[in-house]
Amino acid sequence: PIVGALVREHFGMPGIFRILAIITVVSFLIVPFLIPDGRKQVVRLSPSKISRITLTQNTVLMGLLCFIFTRAVGISLFTIFLPLFMENNLDLSGMQIGIIMASGTALMMVFLKPMGILADHQSRRMLVLVGGLLAATLTFCLPFATGLWGLFFMTVVLGLGSVISLPASAAMIMEEGDHFGMGLVFGLFNTTMNLGFAVAPFLGNFIMDLRGLSAVFYFA
């Protein structure tokens, strides 16, 4: 977000897309040399066993996928509509918007490892519940922010909620992968997450047209 704000101020919106194109090409050139094949033998249920214990009957997996879908919708709504709220309602500059958008992510970068260690020793379900509840509460409160520092505090705490739940939910997904196969479970994970990302813009615009910009955050 900070780099995007700097590029936008000096080169405009086209500059952002040029930077994205360069990054995409560089990552495409690097991937074949740094990422291994990744195929290995793992213990998993046989296809016949999976057909008897269907995915929809696995309440843990279904609960995790519902959580991932709703979090993906919330994250997408936050990413799309919070800059609009900051620019239109709080009249913040591009750099200030970039700092706000980066604050929660910076906190996640610092605390992901400690929260991952905590997820190995404490109840993962409780961590997912606490983190999800904290993120939902702070997202609901975002329209009540009246200035830069109040919004900064809210986004930091929102990032804390995300970092509490993320390692725990990822570990639970991997546990289910041991039963059904990592490829299958992570395929469902990514499908669910991207479905949330795809639904959110249409849903957010519908809510904004119907109830206004603040209502988008109440829903998220």
C-alpha atoms as a PDB file:
ATOM      1  CA  PRO A   1       0.000   0.000   0.000  1.00  0.00           C
ATOM      2  CA  ILE A   2       2.792   2.468   0.808  1.00  0.00           C
ATOM      3  CA  VAL A   3       4.615   1.783  -2.456  1.00  0.00           C
ATOM      4  CA  GLY A   4       1.313   2.020  -4.315  1.00  0.00           C
ATOM      5  CA  ALA A   5       0.600   5.391  -2.750  1.00  0.00           C
ATOM      6  CA  LEU A   6       4.036   6.710  -3.732  1.00  0.00           C
ATOM      7  CA  VAL A   7       3.713   5.427  -7.291  1.00  0.00           C
ATOM      8  CA  ARG A   8       0.224   6.896  -7.618  1.00  0.00           C
ATOM      9  CA  GLU A   9       1.346  10.325  -6.411  1.00  0.00           C
ATOM     10  CA  HIS A  10       4.290  10.484  -8.830  1.00  0.00           C
ATOM     11  CA  PHE A  11       3.138   8.431 -11.837  1.00  0.00           C
ATOM     12  CA  GLY A  12      -0.636   8.162 -11.496  1.00  0.00           C
ATOM     13  CA  MET A  13      -2.768   5.034 -11.679  1.00  0.00           C
ATOM     14  CA  PRO A  14      -1.104   3.770 -14.905  1.00  0.00           C
ATOM     15  CA  GLY A  15       2.191   3.624 -13.001  1.00  0.00           C
ATOM     16  CA  ILE A  16       0.677   1.200 -10.485  1.00  0.00           C
ATOM     17  CA  PHE A  17      -0.316  -1.220 -13.221  1.00  0.00           C
ATOM     18  CA  ARG A  18       3.120  -0.968 -14.816  1.00  0.00           C
ATOM     19  CA  ILE A  19       4.698  -1.887 -11.471  1.00  0.00           C
ATOM     20  CA  LEU A  20       2.290  -4.820 -11.149  1.00  0.00           C
ATOM     21  CA  ALA A  21       3.239  -6.022 -14.618  1.00  0.00           C
ATOM     22  CA  ILE A  22       6.956  -5.871 -13.801  1.00  0.00           C
ATOM     23  CA  ILE A  23       6.486  -7.751 -10.521  1.00  0.00           C
ATOM     24  CA  THR A  24       4.408 -10.423 -12.256  1.00  0.00           C
ATOM     25  CA  VAL A  25       7.051 -10.992 -14.950  1.00  0.00           C
ATOM     26  CA  VAL A  26       9.863 -11.153 -12.374  1.00  0.00           C
ATOM     27  CA  SER A  27       7.985 -13.681 -10.227  1.00  0.00           C
ATOM     28  CA  PHE A  28       7.206 -15.774 -13.309  1.00  0.00           C
ATOM     29  CA  LEU A  29      10.897 -15.902 -14.196  1.00  0.00           C
ATOM     30  CA  ILE A  30      11.965 -16.781 -10.646  1.00  0.00           C
ATOM     31  CA  VAL A  31       9.434 -19.524  -9.862  1.00  0.00           C
ATOM     32  CA  PRO A  32      10.897 -22.312 -12.075  1.00  0.00           C
ATOM     33  CA  PHE A  33      14.260 -22.013 -10.334  1.00  0.00           C
ATOM     34  CA  LEU A  34      13.222 -21.685  -6.681  1.00  0.00           C
ATOM     35  CA  ILE A  35      10.137 -23.874  -6.232  1.00  0.00           C
ATOM     36  CA  PRO A  36      10.647 -27.666  -6.242  1.00  0.00           C
ATOM     37  CA  ASP A  37       8.306 -30.186  -7.803  1.00  0.00           C
ATOM     38  CA  GLY A  38       6.636 -30.742  -4.436  1.00  0.00           C
ATOM     39  CA  ARG A  39       5.364 -34.282  -5.030  1.00  0.00           C
ATOM     40  CA  LYS A  40       5.869 -36.702  -2.159  1.00  0.00           C
ATOM     41  CA  GLN A  41       4.208 -39.715  -0.630  1.00  0.00           C
ATOM     42  CA  VAL A  42       1.738 -38.923   2.148  1.00  0.00           C
ATOM     43  CA  VAL A  43      -0.635 -41.085   4.139  1.00  0.00           C
ATOM     44  CA  ARG A  44      -4.201 -40.369   3.141  1.00  0.00           C
ATOM     45  CA  LEU A  45      -7.557 -42.083   2.890  1.00  0.00           C
ATOM     46  CA  SER A  46      -8.252 -44.177  -0.179  1.00  0.00           C
ATOM     47  CA  PRO A  47     -10.728 -42.860  -2.759  1.00  0.00           C
ATOM     48  CA  SER A  48     -13.292 -45.458  -1.636  1.00  0.00           C
ATOM     49  CA  LYS A  49     -12.890 -44.327   1.978  1.00  0.00           C
ATOM     50  CA  ILE A  50     -13.353 -40.699   0.982  1.00  0.00           C
ATOM     51  CA  SER A  51     -16.555 -41.629  -0.829  1.00  0.00           C
ATOM     52  CA  ARG A  52     -17.961 -43.079   2.413  1.00  0.00           C
ATOM     53  CA  ILE A  53     -16.809 -40.231   4.646  1.00  0.00           C
ATOM     54  CA  THR A  54     -17.915 -37.425   2.383  1.00  0.00           C
ATOM     55  CA  LEU A  55     -16.478 -33.953   2.606  1.00  0.00           C
ATOM     56  CA  THR A  56     -19.848 -32.468   3.496  1.00  0.00           C
ATOM     57  CA  GLN A  57     -20.119 -34.754   6.527  1.00  0.00           C
ATOM     58  CA  ASN A  58     -16.832 -33.473   7.914  1.00  0.00           C
ATOM     59  CA  THR A  59     -18.042 -30.688  10.196  1.00  0.00           C
ATOM     60  CA  VAL A  60     -14.526 -29.411  10.927  1.00  0.00           C
ATOM     61  CA  LEU A  61     -13.680 -28.972   7.251  1.00  0.00           C
ATOM     62  CA  MET A  62     -17.056 -27.440   6.414  1.00  0.00           C
ATOM     63  CA  GLY A  63     -16.758 -25.041   9.342  1.00  0.00           C
ATOM     64  CA  LEU A  64     -13.280 -23.999   8.257  1.00  0.00           C
ATOM     65  CA  LEU A  65     -14.421 -23.417   4.680  1.00  0.00           C
ATOM     66  CA  CYS A  66     -17.325 -21.260   5.896  1.00  0.00           C
ATOM     67  CA  PHE A  67     -14.903 -19.273   8.055  1.00  0.00           C
ATOM     68  CA  ILE A  68     -12.496 -18.852   5.129  1.00  0.00           C
ATOM     69  CA  PHE A  69     -15.298 -17.708   2.817  1.00  0.00           C
ATOM     70  CA  THR A  70     -16.615 -15.089   5.239  1.00  0.00           C
ATOM     71  CA  ARG A  71     -13.105 -13.845   6.052  1.00  0.00           C
ATOM     72  CA  ALA A  72     -12.323 -13.589   2.332  1.00  0.00           C
ATOM     73  CA  VAL A  73     -15.477 -11.510   1.829  1.00  0.00           C
ATOM     74  CA  GLY A  74     -14.547  -9.310   4.786  1.00  0.00           C
ATOM     75  CA  ILE A  75     -10.939  -8.836   3.666  1.00  0.00           C
ATOM     76  CA  SER A  76     -12.014  -8.004   0.125  1.00  0.00           C
ATOM     77  CA  LEU A  77     -14.624  -5.486   1.305  1.00  0.00           C
ATOM     78  CA  PHE A  78     -12.027  -3.943   3.622  1.00  0.00           C
ATOM     79  CA  THR A  79      -9.438  -3.672   0.851  1.00  0.00           C
ATOM     80  CA  ILE A  80     -11.842  -2.205  -1.721  1.00  0.00           C
ATOM     81  CA  PHE A  81     -14.012   0.132   0.319  1.00  0.00           C
ATOM     82  CA  LEU A  82     -11.772   1.363   3.135  1.00  0.00           C
ATOM     83  CA  PRO A  83      -9.669   3.522   0.743  1.00  0.00           C
ATOM     84  CA  LEU A  84     -12.927   5.019  -0.568  1.00  0.00           C
ATOM     85  CA  PHE A  85     -14.037   5.758   2.984  1.00  0.00           C
ATOM     86  CA  MET A  86     -10.687   7.355   3.869  1.00  0.00           C
ATOM     87  CA  GLU A  87     -10.609   9.498   0.750  1.00  0.00           C
ATOM     88  CA  ASN A  88     -14.254  10.567   0.671  1.00  0.00           C
ATOM     89  CA  ASN A  89     -15.170  10.724   4.371  1.00  0.00           C
ATOM     90  CA  LEU A  90     -11.871  11.528   6.100  1.00  0.00           C
ATOM     91  CA  ASP A  91     -10.122  13.379   3.254  1.00  0.00           C
ATOM     92  CA  LEU A  92      -6.816  11.553   3.817  1.00  0.00           C
ATOM     93  CA  SER A  93      -3.879  11.826   1.423  1.00  0.00           C
ATOM     94  CA  GLY A  94      -2.557   8.979  -0.686  1.00  0.00           C
ATOM     95  CA  MET A  95       0.379   8.401   1.674  1.00  0.00           C
ATOM     96  CA  GLN A  96      -1.885   8.368   4.735  1.00  0.00           C
ATOM     97  CA  ILE A  97      -4.154   5.844   3.033  1.00  0.00           C
ATOM     98  CA  GLY A  98      -1.131   3.692   2.225  1.00  0.00           C
ATOM     99  CA  ILE A  99       0.056   3.779   5.844  1.00  0.00           C
ATOM    100  CA  ILE A 100      -3.371   2.778   7.153  1.00  0.00           C
ATOM    101  CA  MET A 101      -3.683  -0.088   4.676  1.00  0.00           C
ATOM    102  CA  ALA A 102      -0.173  -1.334   5.537  1.00  0.00           C
ATOM    103  CA  SER A 103      -0.490  -1.078   9.319  1.00  0.00           C
ATOM    104  CA  GLY A 104      -2.425  -4.283   9.910  1.00  0.00           C
ATOM    105  CA  THR A 105      -0.264  -6.209   7.462  1.00  0.00           C
ATOM    106  CA  ALA A 106       2.907  -5.016   9.181  1.00  0.00           C
ATOM    107  CA  LEU A 107       1.550  -6.261  12.506  1.00  0.00           C
ATOM    108  CA  MET A 108       0.781  -9.635  10.937  1.00  0.00           C
ATOM    109  CA  MET A 109       4.325  -9.864   9.611  1.00  0.00           C
ATOM    110  CA  VAL A 110       5.699  -9.398  13.131  1.00  0.00           C
ATOM    111  CA  PHE A 111       3.326 -11.694  15.005  1.00  0.00           C
ATOM    112  CA  LEU A 112       2.657 -14.551  12.560  1.00  0.00           C
ATOM    113  CA  LYS A 113       5.493 -16.687  13.938  1.00  0.00           C
ATOM    114  CA  PRO A 114       4.555 -16.217  17.638  1.00  0.00           C
ATOM    115  CA  MET A 115       0.905 -16.901  16.834  1.00  0.00           C
ATOM    116  CA  GLY A 116       1.944 -20.003  14.903  1.00  0.00           C
ATOM    117  CA  ILE A 117       3.820 -21.272  17.951  1.00  0.00           C
ATOM    118  CA  LEU A 118       0.784 -20.488  20.100  1.00  0.00           C
ATOM    119  CA  ALA A 119      -1.436 -22.445  17.695  1.00  0.00           C
ATOM    120  CA  ASP A 120       0.790 -25.501  18.259  1.00  0.00           C
ATOM    121  CA  HIS A 121       0.244 -25.386  22.034  1.00  0.00           C
ATOM    122  CA  GLN A 122      -3.246 -23.957  22.551  1.00  0.00           C
ATOM    123  CA  SER A 123      -6.749 -24.690  21.295  1.00  0.00           C
ATOM    124  CA  ARG A 124      -6.818 -23.882  17.595  1.00  0.00           C
ATOM    125  CA  ARG A 125     -10.591 -23.659  17.537  1.00  0.00           C
ATOM    126  CA  MET A 126     -10.516 -21.059  20.298  1.00  0.00           C
ATOM    127  CA  LEU A 127      -7.858 -19.027  18.465  1.00  0.00           C
ATOM    128  CA  VAL A 128      -9.951 -19.060  15.275  1.00  0.00           C
ATOM    129  CA  LEU A 129     -13.022 -17.985  17.244  1.00  0.00           C
ATOM    130  CA  VAL A 130     -11.249 -15.189  19.140  1.00  0.00           C
ATOM    131  CA  GLY A 131      -9.428 -13.884  16.069  1.00  0.00           C
ATOM    132  CA  GLY A 132     -12.526 -13.969  13.890  1.00  0.00           C
ATOM    133  CA  LEU A 133     -14.647 -12.224  16.526  1.00  0.00           C
ATOM    134  CA  LEU A 134     -12.012  -9.521  17.049  1.00  0.00           C
ATOM    135  CA  ALA A 135     -11.690  -8.896  13.304  1.00  0.00           C
ATOM    136  CA  ALA A 136     -15.463  -8.749  12.849  1.00  0.00           C
ATOM    137  CA  THR A 137     -15.900  -6.311  15.749  1.00  0.00           C
ATOM    138  CA  LEU A 138     -13.205  -3.918  14.541  1.00  0.00           C
ATOM    139  CA  THR A 139     -14.469  -4.031  10.952  1.00  0.00           C
ATOM    140  CA  PHE A 140     -17.930  -3.050  12.241  1.00  0.00           C
ATOM    141  CA  CYS A 141     -16.383  -0.106  14.125  1.00  0.00           C
ATOM    142  CA  LEU A 142     -14.399   1.313  11.186  1.00  0.00           C
ATOM    143  CA  PRO A 143     -17.097   3.816  10.051  1.00  0.00           C
ATOM    144  CA  PHE A 144     -16.999   5.400  13.519  1.00  0.00           C
ATOM    145  CA  ALA A 145     -13.381   6.524  13.026  1.00  0.00           C
ATOM    146  CA  THR A 146     -13.085  10.311  12.881  1.00  0.00           C
ATOM    147  CA  GLY A 147      -9.428  10.783  12.015  1.00  0.00           C
ATOM    148  CA  LEU A 148      -6.122   9.234  11.016  1.00  0.00           C
ATOM    149  CA  TRP A 149      -4.994   7.953  14.406  1.00  0.00           C
ATOM    150  CA  GLY A 150      -8.321   6.467  15.403  1.00  0.00           C
ATOM    151  CA  LEU A 151      -8.494   4.590  12.130  1.00  0.00           C
ATOM    152  CA  PHE A 152      -4.851   3.547  12.497  1.00  0.00           C
ATOM    153  CA  PHE A 153      -5.586   2.022  15.918  1.00  0.00           C
ATOM    154  CA  MET A 154      -8.608   0.146  14.551  1.00  0.00           C
ATOM    155  CA  THR A 155      -6.726  -1.325  11.592  1.00  0.00           C
ATOM    156  CA  VAL A 156      -3.865  -2.435  13.866  1.00  0.00           C
ATOM    157  CA  VAL A 157      -6.270  -4.255  16.181  1.00  0.00           C
ATOM    158  CA  LEU A 158      -8.035  -5.663  13.124  1.00  0.00           C
ATOM    159  CA  GLY A 159      -4.684  -7.014  11.939  1.00  0.00           C
ATOM    160  CA  LEU A 160      -4.201  -8.552  15.385  1.00  0.00           C
ATOM    161  CA  GLY A 161      -7.477 -10.409  15.024  1.00  0.00           C
ATOM    162  CA  SER A 162      -6.393 -11.742  11.635  1.00  0.00           C
ATOM    163  CA  VAL A 163      -2.981 -12.846  12.874  1.00  0.00           C
ATOM    164  CA  ILE A 164      -4.542 -14.709  15.815  1.00  0.00           C
ATOM    165  CA  SER A 165      -6.834 -16.787  13.595  1.00  0.00           C
ATOM    166  CA  LEU A 166      -4.697 -17.284  10.479  1.00  0.00           C
ATOM    167  CA  PRO A 167      -2.032 -19.772  11.714  1.00  0.00           C
ATOM    168  CA  ALA A 168      -4.619 -21.763  13.682  1.00  0.00           C
ATOM    169  CA  SER A 169      -7.006 -22.078  10.727  1.00  0.00           C
ATOM    170  CA  ALA A 170      -4.147 -22.993   8.370  1.00  0.00           C
ATOM    171  CA  ALA A 171      -2.975 -25.705  10.783  1.00  0.00           C
ATOM    172  CA  MET A 172      -6.497 -27.127  10.999  1.00  0.00           C
ATOM    173  CA  ILE A 173      -6.725 -27.170   7.212  1.00  0.00           C
ATOM    174  CA  MET A 174      -3.453 -29.122   7.052  1.00  0.00           C
ATOM    175  CA  GLU A 175      -4.804 -31.618   9.577  1.00  0.00           C
ATOM    176  CA  GLU A 176      -7.740 -32.295   7.295  1.00  0.00           C
ATOM    177  CA  GLY A 177      -5.300 -32.591   4.395  1.00  0.00           C
ATOM    178  CA  ASP A 178      -3.701 -35.564   6.135  1.00  0.00           C
ATOM    179  CA  HIS A 179      -7.028 -37.369   5.825  1.00  0.00           C
ATOM    180  CA  PHE A 180      -8.275 -36.331   2.396  1.00  0.00           C
ATOM    181  CA  GLY A 181      -5.033 -35.323   0.637  1.00  0.00           C
ATOM    182  CA  MET A 182      -3.273 -31.981   0.703  1.00  0.00           C
ATOM    183  CA  GLY A 183      -4.040 -31.220  -2.938  1.00  0.00           C
ATOM    184  CA  LEU A 184      -7.776 -31.795  -2.516  1.00  0.00           C
ATOM    185  CA  VAL A 185      -8.116 -29.845   0.726  1.00  0.00           C
ATOM    186  CA  PHE A 186      -6.013 -26.898  -0.402  1.00  0.00           C
ATOM    187  CA  GLY A 187      -7.902 -26.905  -3.694  1.00  0.00           C
ATOM    188  CA  LEU A 188     -11.125 -26.516  -1.714  1.00  0.00           C
ATOM    189  CA  PHE A 189      -9.449 -23.873   0.451  1.00  0.00           C
ATOM    190  CA  ASN A 190      -8.372 -21.768  -2.526  1.00  0.00           C
ATOM    191  CA  THR A 191     -11.690 -22.240  -4.312  1.00  0.00           C
ATOM    192  CA  THR A 192     -13.605 -21.066  -1.252  1.00  0.00           C
ATOM    193  CA  MET A 193     -11.282 -18.131  -0.654  1.00  0.00           C
ATOM    194  CA  ASN A 194     -11.408 -16.940  -4.260  1.00  0.00           C
ATOM    195  CA  LEU A 195     -15.190 -17.345  -4.294  1.00  0.00           C
ATOM    196  CA  GLY A 196     -15.306 -14.923  -1.362  1.00  0.00           C
ATOM    197  CA  PHE A 197     -13.007 -12.510  -3.182  1.00  0.00           C
ATOM    198  CA  ALA A 198     -15.216 -12.727  -6.287  1.00  0.00           C
ATOM    199  CA  VAL A 199     -18.523 -12.238  -4.459  1.00  0.00           C
ATOM    200  CA  ALA A 200     -17.366  -9.322  -2.273  1.00  0.00           C
ATOM    201  CA  PRO A 201     -17.155  -6.527  -4.922  1.00  0.00           C
ATOM    202  CA  PHE A 202     -20.676  -7.200  -6.211  1.00  0.00           C
ATOM    203  CA  LEU A 203     -22.055  -7.564  -2.705  1.00  0.00           C
ATOM    204  CA  GLY A 204     -20.266  -4.439  -1.476  1.00  0.00           C
ATOM    205  CA  ASN A 205     -21.531  -2.302  -4.359  1.00  0.00           C
ATOM    206  CA  PHE A 206     -25.061  -3.586  -3.839  1.00  0.00           C
ATOM    207  CA  ILE A 207     -24.958  -2.710  -0.120  1.00  0.00           C
ATOM    208  CA  MET A 208     -23.381   0.699  -0.798  1.00  0.00           C
ATOM    209  CA  ASP A 209     -26.062   1.584  -3.357  1.00  0.00           C
ATOM    210  CA  LEU A 210     -28.773   0.386  -0.992  1.00  0.00           C
ATOM    211  CA  ARG A 211     -27.575   1.656   2.414  1.00  0.00           C
ATOM    212  CA  GLY A 212     -24.453   3.749   1.888  1.00  0.00           C
ATOM    213  CA  LEU A 213     -20.729   3.207   2.327  1.00  0.00           C
ATOM    214  CA  SER A 214     -20.773   2.748   6.109  1.00  0.00           C
ATOM    215  CA  ALA A 215     -23.209  -0.180   5.793  1.00  0.00           C
ATOM    216  CA  VAL A 216     -20.571  -2.128   3.850  1.00  0.00           C
ATOM    217  CA  PHE A 217     -18.392  -2.292   6.975  1.00  0.00           C
ATOM    218  CA  TYR A 218     -21.325  -3.187   9.200  1.00  0.00           C
ATOM    219  CA  PHE A 219     -21.978  -6.170   6.951  1.00  0.00           C
ATOM    220  CA  ALA A 220     -18.307  -7.168   6.599  1.00  0.00           C
END
